[in-house]
Amino acid sequence: MDNISKILKHKITFILIAIVVGFLVAALVLGLTGYNPLEVYRILFKGMFSKPRYIMNIIIKASPIILTGISVAFALRVGLFNIGVEGQYIVGTIVATVVGILFDFPPLIQFPLILIAGALAGGLYGAIAGYLKAKRGIHEVITGIMFNWIAFYAGNYVVSLERFKDPGTTTTYFINASGFDPVYNWKMSPVGQELLQQNSFLREILGRTSANIGIIIAIIVALLITFILRKTTKGYELRAVGLNKYASGASGINVEKNTMQTLLIAGATAGLSGALSITGVSQRLFELMALENYGFNGLSVALMAGGSPIGSIFAGLLFAGLNYGGGSIQLEIGAPSEIIDILIGTIVFCTALVTVVPLLIEKINKRGGNKKC
């Protein structure tokens, strides 16, 4: 019984249960609306895994939301809810585009310069919310929501400027080619083109997709954030503030400073995500009709991961896979694509309970122990 309790109390176990429950609830909804759940899931997984190109597209779509998920997860570990991640992402795309157009250094300088600029912009944008939280007591949810819309309109303003707007379009000019993702520049080179022509597998996953190094950077960031939180003094301070800011303040930890640093790091992670989207996928800034939801999807990813930066990698891949494969459901049998939203929403709801169930199990065990006495 003790072993079963330990397994059930583990976050990973409960997250897996949440995923199963999500699929069961979605299956019930499908059955009630007249669709065969097994057929729908067959089409879903076929749309996700039947071709190497599909898997690569899922990885490409997952990369930005993994990083925004890490941003949210990091803030959650420190007791903050970074709902402003969408705005930080957009600011990252804006600055990355501006730097990519204005400067044209050699690729070894230009590409990292764009990423650093996007990360710094997102970090500073997050730090403003951190300052208002620490010094003025304004909740980060309030400032985050407002800052999301400020970033949205700032992006559209930049697109409208004569210096950046591509005439006759609703986009900016492309950034200079020296700032494109290294994978893209390689596959467009004579050597890359020759190799792609000779190798059908590489042509499938690289030549026919927007493959980029985003997933590699996302994994590195997840590992780095985890190391900071678990193995450094600064990480201990941040986690202590998240657990109890009053006790942390009483023990000499500067709560205000750590609050600002948290949203600085979270914002930089989101801004980096935006910069990678520019260099690796769009290569220019588009006029937005609505928020892109990369940040808000990151919220779902962080919750699905139980607030774990490393877990955000797997949650991001699952989230992107379900959305990508879900498009084929409507195309093949006419089932509403919203069923994927129900599936994801159920998983997020169940994983949000990950901190509640272990407490209930602990209370049940304590009552059982008291009865034996």
Protein backbone atom coordinates (compact mmCIF):
# COMPACT_ATOMS: atom_id res chain seq x y z
CA MET A 1 0.00 0.00 0.00
CA ASP A 2 2.85 2.37 0.83
CA ASN A 3 4.49 1.72 -2.55
CA ILE A 4 1.22 2.44 -4.38
CA SER A 5 0.83 5.68 -2.44
CA LYS A 6 4.35 6.77 -3.37
CA ILE A 7 3.71 6.06 -7.05
CA LEU A 8 0.39 7.94 -7.03
CA LYS A 9 1.94 10.91 -5.24
CA HIS A 10 4.58 11.29 -7.96
CA LYS A 11 3.85 14.16 -10.37
CA ILE A 12 4.79 12.19 -13.47
CA THR A 13 2.29 9.45 -12.58
CA PHE A 14 -0.53 11.92 -12.15
CA ILE A 15 0.34 13.76 -15.36
CA LEU A 16 0.19 10.46 -17.27
CA ILE A 17 -3.18 9.75 -15.67
CA ALA A 18 -4.34 13.22 -16.70
CA ILE A 19 -3.39 12.52 -20.33
CA VAL A 20 -5.34 9.25 -20.29
CA VAL A 21 -8.35 11.00 -18.74
CA GLY A 22 -8.13 13.68 -21.41
CA PHE A 23 -8.30 11.10 -24.17
CA LEU A 24 -11.21 9.32 -22.45
CA VAL A 25 -13.21 12.53 -22.05
CA ALA A 26 -12.57 13.48 -25.68
CA ALA A 27 -13.62 9.98 -26.73
CA LEU A 28 -16.87 10.36 -24.78
CA VAL A 29 -17.62 13.68 -26.48
CA LEU A 30 -16.90 12.16 -29.89
CA GLY A 31 -19.14 9.19 -29.15
CA LEU A 32 -22.00 11.44 -28.05
CA THR A 33 -21.72 13.47 -31.26
CA GLY A 34 -21.80 10.41 -33.51
CA TYR A 35 -18.12 9.89 -34.31
CA ASN A 36 -16.09 6.74 -33.74
CA PRO A 37 -13.38 7.69 -31.19
CA LEU A 38 -11.04 4.92 -32.36
CA GLU A 39 -11.27 6.12 -35.95
CA VAL A 40 -10.70 9.73 -34.90
CA TYR A 41 -7.63 8.80 -32.84
CA ARG A 42 -6.30 6.65 -35.68
CA ILE A 43 -6.48 9.67 -37.98
CA LEU A 44 -4.98 11.90 -35.27
CA PHE A 45 -1.91 9.71 -34.76
CA LYS A 46 -1.59 9.12 -38.50
CA GLY A 47 -1.45 12.89 -38.95
CA MET A 48 1.25 13.07 -36.31
CA PHE A 49 3.57 10.15 -37.09
CA SER A 50 2.89 8.68 -40.55
CA LYS A 51 5.67 10.67 -42.26
CA PRO A 52 9.06 11.94 -41.03
CA ARG A 53 8.07 15.38 -42.31
CA TYR A 54 5.09 15.44 -39.97
CA ILE A 55 7.27 14.66 -36.97
CA MET A 56 9.69 17.42 -37.93
CA ASN A 57 6.83 19.90 -38.32
CA ILE A 58 5.63 19.00 -34.82
CA ILE A 59 9.12 19.65 -33.44
CA ILE A 60 9.23 23.00 -35.28
CA LYS A 61 5.83 24.01 -33.90
CA ALA A 62 6.78 22.81 -30.41
CA SER A 63 10.02 24.78 -30.10
CA PRO A 64 8.54 28.26 -29.38
CA ILE A 65 5.86 27.00 -27.00
CA ILE A 66 8.42 24.89 -25.12
CA LEU A 67 10.38 28.08 -24.44
CA THR A 68 7.30 30.09 -23.45
CA GLY A 69 6.26 27.11 -21.31
CA ILE A 70 9.66 27.16 -19.59
CA SER A 71 9.19 30.88 -19.00
CA VAL A 72 5.87 30.29 -17.24
CA ALA A 73 7.14 27.20 -15.38
CA PHE A 74 10.16 29.09 -14.05
CA ALA A 75 7.96 31.91 -12.72
CA LEU A 76 5.56 29.40 -11.14
CA ARG A 77 8.47 27.86 -9.23
CA VAL A 78 9.05 31.29 -7.69
CA GLY A 79 5.39 31.89 -6.89
CA LEU A 80 4.63 34.19 -9.83
CA PHE A 81 2.12 33.77 -12.65
CA ASN A 82 3.76 35.11 -15.81
CA ILE A 83 0.67 35.71 -17.90
CA GLY A 84 2.61 38.47 -19.68
CA VAL A 85 4.62 35.82 -21.55
CA GLU A 86 2.67 36.57 -24.74
CA GLY A 87 3.80 40.19 -24.71
CA GLN A 88 7.39 39.22 -23.93
CA TYR A 89 7.35 36.84 -26.89
CA ILE A 90 6.00 39.55 -29.22
CA VAL A 91 8.58 42.09 -28.03
CA GLY A 92 11.25 39.49 -28.78
CA THR A 93 9.97 39.17 -32.36
CA ILE A 94 9.83 42.96 -32.80
CA VAL A 95 13.38 43.63 -31.66
CA ALA A 96 14.74 40.58 -33.49
CA THR A 97 13.20 41.84 -36.72
CA VAL A 98 14.45 45.40 -36.29
CA VAL A 99 17.99 44.25 -35.49
CA GLY A 100 17.88 41.72 -38.33
CA ILE A 101 16.96 44.44 -40.84
CA LEU A 102 19.20 47.26 -39.58
CA PHE A 103 22.39 45.21 -39.22
CA ASP A 104 24.09 42.86 -41.62
CA PHE A 105 27.14 41.38 -39.94
CA PRO A 106 28.64 38.00 -40.90
CA PRO A 107 26.40 35.07 -39.86
CA LEU A 108 28.59 34.12 -36.89
CA ILE A 109 27.84 37.57 -35.42
CA GLN A 110 24.44 38.39 -36.90
CA PHE A 111 22.53 35.28 -35.82
CA PRO A 112 23.56 35.34 -32.13
CA LEU A 113 23.15 39.14 -32.09
CA ILE A 114 19.49 38.78 -33.12
CA LEU A 115 18.87 36.10 -30.48
CA ILE A 116 20.56 38.14 -27.75
CA ALA A 117 18.64 41.28 -28.74
CA GLY A 118 15.31 39.42 -28.65
CA ALA A 119 16.10 37.84 -25.29
CA LEU A 120 17.20 41.15 -23.76
CA ALA A 121 14.06 42.88 -25.03
CA GLY A 122 11.79 40.20 -23.56
CA GLY A 123 13.79 40.23 -20.33
CA LEU A 124 13.51 43.99 -19.89
CA TYR A 125 9.81 43.86 -20.71
CA GLY A 126 9.32 41.23 -18.04
CA ALA A 127 11.49 43.15 -15.58
CA ILE A 128 9.16 46.15 -15.82
CA ALA A 129 6.30 43.98 -14.57
CA GLY A 130 8.66 42.64 -11.91
CA TYR A 131 9.52 46.16 -10.78
CA LEU A 132 5.86 47.15 -10.55
CA LYS A 133 5.17 43.98 -8.55
CA ALA A 134 8.12 44.46 -6.19
CA LYS A 135 8.04 48.22 -5.69
CA ARG A 136 4.40 49.15 -6.20
CA GLY A 137 2.60 45.95 -5.24
CA ILE A 138 0.80 45.74 -8.61
CA HIS A 139 -0.05 42.12 -9.35
CA GLU A 140 1.87 40.61 -12.27
CA VAL A 141 -1.35 39.27 -13.82
CA ILE A 142 -2.74 42.81 -14.18
CA THR A 143 0.43 44.27 -15.69
CA GLY A 144 1.00 41.15 -17.79
CA ILE A 145 -2.39 41.38 -19.49
CA MET A 146 -1.95 45.09 -20.21
CA PHE A 147 1.61 44.62 -21.47
CA ASN A 148 0.44 41.89 -23.85
CA TRP A 149 -1.72 44.40 -25.70
CA ILE A 150 0.93 47.11 -25.62
CA ALA A 151 3.33 44.69 -27.32
CA PHE A 152 0.63 43.70 -29.82
CA TYR A 153 0.05 47.27 -30.98
CA ALA A 154 3.77 48.09 -30.86
CA GLY A 155 4.40 45.24 -33.29
CA ASN A 156 1.76 46.51 -35.72
CA TYR A 157 3.21 50.01 -35.43
CA VAL A 158 6.68 48.79 -36.38
CA VAL A 159 5.23 46.96 -39.39
CA SER A 160 3.61 50.23 -40.54
CA LEU A 161 6.85 52.25 -40.42
CA GLU A 162 8.24 53.18 -43.83
CA ARG A 163 11.74 52.02 -42.85
CA PHE A 164 10.56 48.47 -42.21
CA LYS A 165 7.32 47.91 -44.13
CA ASP A 166 7.54 45.93 -47.35
CA PRO A 167 5.38 47.96 -49.81
CA GLY A 168 2.17 46.29 -50.89
CA THR A 169 2.23 43.80 -48.00
CA THR A 170 1.23 43.64 -44.35
CA THR A 171 4.73 42.58 -43.28
CA THR A 172 8.16 44.05 -42.78
CA TYR A 173 11.04 43.37 -45.11
CA PHE A 174 12.80 40.05 -44.57
CA ILE A 175 15.68 40.22 -42.13
CA ASN A 176 19.11 40.05 -43.75
CA ALA A 177 20.06 36.53 -44.85
CA SER A 178 23.06 36.56 -42.50
CA GLY A 179 20.55 36.38 -39.63
CA PHE A 180 18.67 33.35 -40.93
CA ASP A 181 18.82 30.13 -38.95
CA PRO A 182 22.03 28.13 -39.63
CA VAL A 183 20.01 25.11 -40.79
CA TYR A 184 18.20 27.23 -43.39
CA ASN A 185 21.41 28.83 -44.63
CA TRP A 186 23.06 25.42 -44.87
CA LYS A 187 20.25 23.78 -46.85
CA MET A 188 20.14 26.75 -49.25
CA SER A 189 23.90 26.56 -49.87
CA PRO A 190 25.29 24.63 -52.88
CA VAL A 191 26.65 21.92 -50.57
CA GLY A 192 23.32 21.57 -48.77
CA GLN A 193 21.31 21.51 -51.98
CA GLU A 194 23.51 18.80 -53.42
CA LEU A 195 23.22 16.63 -50.31
CA LEU A 196 19.44 17.08 -50.15
CA GLN A 197 19.11 15.97 -53.75
CA GLN A 198 21.08 12.82 -52.99
CA ASN A 199 19.34 11.90 -49.71
CA SER A 200 15.56 11.52 -49.80
CA PHE A 201 15.22 11.32 -46.00
CA LEU A 202 17.08 14.60 -45.42
CA ARG A 203 15.12 16.16 -48.26
CA GLU A 204 11.90 15.10 -46.50
CA ILE A 205 12.72 16.44 -43.03
CA LEU A 206 14.91 19.43 -43.95
CA GLY A 207 14.16 20.42 -47.52
CA ARG A 208 10.37 20.32 -47.14
CA THR A 209 10.12 21.92 -43.71
CA SER A 210 11.27 25.04 -41.85
CA ALA A 211 13.69 22.97 -39.77
CA ASN A 212 15.77 25.09 -37.40
CA ILE A 213 17.87 24.82 -34.24
CA GLY A 214 15.07 26.06 -31.99
CA ILE A 215 14.46 22.69 -30.33
CA ILE A 216 18.16 22.36 -29.45
CA ILE A 217 18.19 25.78 -27.80
CA ALA A 218 14.92 25.00 -26.00
CA ILE A 219 16.42 21.84 -24.49
CA ILE A 220 19.56 23.72 -23.43
CA VAL A 221 17.47 26.45 -21.78
CA ALA A 222 15.34 23.84 -19.94
CA LEU A 223 18.46 22.15 -18.57
CA LEU A 224 20.04 25.50 -17.64
CA ILE A 225 16.93 26.73 -15.81
CA THR A 226 16.66 23.42 -13.95
CA PHE A 227 20.32 23.63 -12.96
CA ILE A 228 19.88 27.19 -11.68
CA LEU A 229 16.83 26.27 -9.62
CA ARG A 230 18.25 23.08 -8.12
CA LYS A 231 22.01 23.54 -7.89
CA THR A 232 22.73 27.22 -7.26
CA THR A 233 22.40 29.61 -4.33
CA LYS A 234 20.33 31.95 -6.47
CA GLY A 235 17.99 29.08 -7.31
CA TYR A 236 17.57 28.29 -3.61
CA GLU A 237 16.67 31.92 -2.94
CA LEU A 238 14.17 31.98 -5.78
CA ARG A 239 12.49 28.75 -4.67
CA ALA A 240 12.41 29.99 -1.07
CA VAL A 241 10.64 33.17 -2.14
CA GLY A 242 8.15 31.06 -4.08
CA LEU A 243 7.40 28.85 -1.07
CA ASN A 244 7.04 31.68 1.46
CA LYS A 245 8.11 35.22 0.69
CA TYR A 246 7.51 36.39 4.25
CA ALA A 247 9.73 33.73 5.79
CA SER A 248 12.32 34.41 3.07
CA GLY A 249 12.31 38.11 3.85
CA ALA A 250 12.66 37.40 7.56
CA SER A 251 15.70 35.20 6.86
CA GLY A 252 17.48 37.96 4.95
CA ILE A 253 16.55 37.15 1.34
CA ASN A 254 15.78 40.22 -0.76
CA VAL A 255 12.27 39.37 -1.95
CA GLU A 256 11.89 42.43 -4.18
CA LYS A 257 15.18 41.81 -5.97
CA ASN A 258 14.35 38.14 -6.56
CA THR A 259 10.89 39.03 -7.88
CA MET A 260 12.38 41.36 -10.48
CA GLN A 261 15.09 38.85 -11.40
CA THR A 262 12.50 36.11 -11.85
CA LEU A 263 10.44 38.05 -14.38
CA LEU A 264 13.65 39.25 -16.04
CA ILE A 265 14.75 35.64 -16.65
CA ALA A 266 11.24 34.51 -17.58
CA GLY A 267 10.88 37.41 -20.01
CA ALA A 268 14.27 36.72 -21.56
CA THR A 269 13.25 33.11 -22.20
CA ALA A 270 10.03 34.24 -23.90
CA GLY A 271 11.89 36.91 -25.89
CA LEU A 272 14.39 34.30 -27.05
CA SER A 273 11.47 32.20 -28.27
CA GLY A 274 10.23 35.14 -30.33
CA ALA A 275 13.66 35.78 -31.81
CA LEU A 276 14.01 32.12 -32.83
CA SER A 277 10.62 32.26 -34.55
CA ILE A 278 11.87 35.17 -36.64
CA THR A 279 15.24 33.68 -37.60
CA GLY A 280 14.00 30.13 -38.14
CA VAL A 281 10.43 30.30 -39.44
CA SER A 282 8.89 33.61 -40.55
CA GLN A 283 12.10 35.64 -41.18
CA ARG A 284 10.02 38.83 -40.96
CA LEU A 285 7.37 40.45 -38.79
CA PHE A 286 3.69 40.21 -39.72
CA GLU A 287 0.92 42.66 -38.91
CA LEU A 288 -1.22 40.88 -36.32
CA MET A 289 -5.00 40.77 -36.35
CA ALA A 290 -5.05 39.07 -32.95
CA LEU A 291 -2.61 37.77 -30.36
CA GLU A 292 -0.60 34.85 -31.76
CA ASN A 293 -1.14 32.71 -28.63
CA TYR A 294 2.42 31.39 -28.46
CA GLY A 295 2.60 32.76 -24.93
CA PHE A 296 -0.85 31.58 -23.90
CA ASN A 297 -0.11 28.13 -25.31
CA GLY A 298 3.02 28.24 -23.17
CA LEU A 299 0.75 28.63 -20.14
CA SER A 300 -1.00 25.38 -21.07
CA VAL A 301 2.34 23.65 -21.64
CA ALA A 302 3.67 24.75 -18.24
CA LEU A 303 0.53 23.50 -16.49
CA MET A 304 0.62 20.21 -18.41
CA ALA A 305 4.24 19.84 -17.28
CA GLY A 306 3.33 20.43 -13.65
CA GLY A 307 5.54 23.53 -13.55
CA SER A 308 8.66 21.61 -14.58
CA PRO A 309 11.06 23.25 -17.09
CA ILE A 310 12.22 19.85 -18.37
CA GLY A 311 8.65 18.56 -18.36
CA SER A 312 7.78 21.52 -20.61
CA ILE A 313 9.83 19.87 -23.39
CA PHE A 314 7.58 16.80 -23.44
CA ALA A 315 4.40 18.78 -22.79
CA GLY A 316 5.26 21.15 -25.64
CA LEU A 317 5.80 18.25 -28.04
CA LEU A 318 2.49 16.70 -26.96
CA PHE A 319 0.64 20.01 -27.32
CA ALA A 320 2.12 20.70 -30.77
CA GLY A 321 1.52 17.12 -31.89
CA LEU A 322 -2.14 17.17 -30.92
CA ASN A 323 -2.72 20.48 -32.67
CA TYR A 324 -0.83 19.46 -35.78
CA GLY A 325 -2.43 16.03 -36.05
CA GLY A 326 -5.82 17.45 -35.13
CA GLY A 327 -6.03 19.31 -38.42
CA SER A 328 -6.34 16.03 -40.30
CA ILE A 329 -9.43 14.99 -38.30
CA GLN A 330 -11.61 17.65 -39.87
CA LEU A 331 -10.14 17.10 -43.33
CA GLU A 332 -10.71 13.32 -43.39
CA ILE A 333 -14.00 12.73 -41.58
CA GLY A 334 -15.38 16.19 -40.85
CA ALA A 335 -15.10 15.87 -37.07
CA PRO A 336 -14.80 19.29 -35.42
CA SER A 337 -11.18 20.33 -34.81
CA GLU A 338 -12.38 21.79 -31.49
CA ILE A 339 -12.25 18.25 -30.11
CA ILE A 340 -8.50 18.78 -29.78
CA ASP A 341 -9.16 21.87 -27.63
CA ILE A 342 -11.40 19.73 -25.41
CA LEU A 343 -8.67 17.10 -25.19
CA ILE A 344 -5.96 19.61 -24.28
CA GLY A 345 -8.24 21.49 -21.90
CA THR A 346 -9.09 18.29 -20.01
CA ILE A 347 -5.42 17.37 -19.70
CA VAL A 348 -4.56 20.85 -18.42
CA PHE A 349 -7.45 20.75 -15.94
CA CYS A 350 -6.39 17.37 -14.59
CA THR A 351 -2.72 18.29 -14.31
CA ALA A 352 -3.69 21.49 -12.51
CA LEU A 353 -4.89 19.18 -9.73
CA VAL A 354 -1.41 17.65 -9.44
CA THR A 355 -0.75 19.47 -6.17
CA VAL A 356 -4.16 18.62 -4.71
CA VAL A 357 -4.28 14.84 -5.08
CA PRO A 358 -1.00 14.13 -3.23
CA LEU A 359 -2.32 16.16 -0.30
CA LEU A 360 -5.56 14.15 -0.28
CA ILE A 361 -3.61 10.87 -0.38
CA GLU A 362 -1.45 12.08 2.50
CA LYS A 363 -4.53 12.96 4.57
CA ILE A 364 -6.12 9.57 3.84
CA ASN A 365 -2.93 7.81 4.93
CA LYS A 366 -2.81 9.84 8.12
CA ARG A 367 -6.42 8.95 8.95
CA GLY A 368 -5.65 5.30 8.32
CA GLY A 369 -2.66 5.54 10.65
CA ASN A 370 -4.74 7.19 13.36
CA LYS A 371 -7.38 4.46 13.17
CA LYS A 372 -4.73 1.77 13.65
CA CYS A 373 -3.57 3.50 16.78
